């Protein structure tokens, strides 16, 4: 049987890490990254997204979120939350 999936998991109840000018990078087991302001990605690693490195140097617009299994994310500027899996 697969992993348990419920609303608790999808609502970010596992917590997360704020990425901003005071904390530009994080490592861990993340499932969602929400961009709260226009954010330039410095580097991002994922175990299940092909060619995720293509986002390095790209500015993601405020309000956009991306899902996957992320192990590391670093930003150059902006504001984002990396939610734990």
Protein backbone atom coordinates (compact mmCIF):
# COMPACT_ATOMS: atom_id res chain seq x y z
CA UNK A 1 0.00 0.00 0.00
CA UNK A 2 1.26 3.53 -0.80
CA UNK A 3 2.09 6.34 1.57
CA UNK A 4 -0.72 7.93 3.54
CA UNK A 5 -2.05 11.05 1.86
CA UNK A 6 -4.34 13.40 3.74
CA UNK A 7 -5.17 17.08 4.08
CA UNK A 8 -2.68 17.52 6.93
CA UNK A 9 0.20 16.67 4.60
CA UNK A 10 -0.98 18.99 1.84
CA UNK A 11 -1.56 22.00 4.10
CA UNK A 12 2.11 22.40 5.03
CA UNK A 13 1.55 21.21 8.60
CA UNK A 14 5.02 19.62 8.64
CA UNK A 15 6.48 23.13 8.81
CA UNK A 16 9.00 24.76 6.55
CA UNK A 17 11.90 27.13 6.13
CA UNK A 18 11.65 30.81 5.21
CA UNK A 19 14.13 31.82 2.51
CA UNK A 20 14.96 35.52 2.43
CA UNK A 21 17.90 37.95 2.65
CA UNK A 22 18.71 36.61 6.14
CA UNK A 23 18.53 32.93 5.14
CA UNK A 24 19.38 32.36 1.48
CA UNK A 25 19.54 28.55 1.44
CA UNK A 26 18.18 25.40 3.05
CA UNK A 27 18.75 21.68 2.83
CA UNK A 28 16.28 19.03 3.89
CA UNK A 29 13.36 17.01 2.62
CA UNK A 30 10.96 19.50 1.00
CA UNK A 31 7.75 18.84 -0.97
CA UNK A 32 6.65 22.34 -2.00
CA UNK A 33 8.28 25.73 -2.54
CA UNK A 34 6.00 28.76 -2.45
CA UNK A 35 7.32 32.07 -3.76
CA UNK A 36 5.88 35.02 -1.83
CA UNK A 37 7.77 37.70 -3.79
CA UNK A 38 9.62 37.63 -7.09
CA UNK A 39 12.52 35.30 -6.25
CA UNK A 40 15.69 34.50 -8.15
CA UNK A 41 16.81 30.90 -7.71
CA UNK A 42 20.53 30.43 -7.18
CA UNK A 43 20.45 26.61 -7.14
CA UNK A 44 17.84 23.94 -6.58
CA UNK A 45 18.12 20.14 -6.34
CA UNK A 46 15.32 17.60 -6.76
CA UNK A 47 15.25 13.82 -6.77
CA UNK A 48 12.20 13.56 -9.02
CA UNK A 49 12.21 16.52 -11.43
CA UNK A 50 14.25 16.16 -14.59
CA UNK A 51 16.53 19.08 -15.51
CA UNK A 52 15.60 21.09 -12.40
CA UNK A 53 18.94 22.88 -12.78
CA UNK A 54 17.37 24.78 -15.68
CA UNK A 55 15.74 26.96 -13.00
CA UNK A 56 19.12 28.14 -11.67
CA UNK A 57 19.31 31.88 -12.30
CA UNK A 58 15.60 32.13 -13.17
CA UNK A 59 13.30 34.57 -11.37
CA UNK A 60 10.04 32.94 -10.27
CA UNK A 61 7.10 35.32 -9.90
CA UNK A 62 5.33 36.02 -6.63
CA UNK A 63 2.44 33.63 -5.98
CA UNK A 64 3.92 30.71 -7.92
CA UNK A 65 4.56 27.39 -6.18
CA UNK A 66 6.35 24.27 -7.37
CA UNK A 67 5.96 20.76 -6.06
CA UNK A 68 8.34 17.83 -6.09
CA UNK A 69 10.90 16.26 -3.82
CA UNK A 70 13.56 18.89 -3.14
CA UNK A 71 16.73 18.30 -1.15
CA UNK A 72 18.28 21.76 -1.44
CA UNK A 73 17.21 25.23 -2.48
CA UNK A 74 19.15 28.49 -2.53
CA UNK A 75 17.96 31.91 -3.63
CA UNK A 76 19.79 35.05 -4.66
CA UNK A 77 16.97 37.42 -3.76
CA UNK A 78 13.28 37.37 -2.92
CA UNK A 79 11.09 35.57 -0.41
CA UNK A 80 9.97 31.93 -0.39
CA UNK A 81 8.89 29.15 1.93
CA UNK A 82 10.23 25.59 1.45
CA UNK A 83 7.71 23.21 3.05
CA UNK A 84 8.92 19.96 4.58
CA UNK A 85 7.69 16.65 3.19
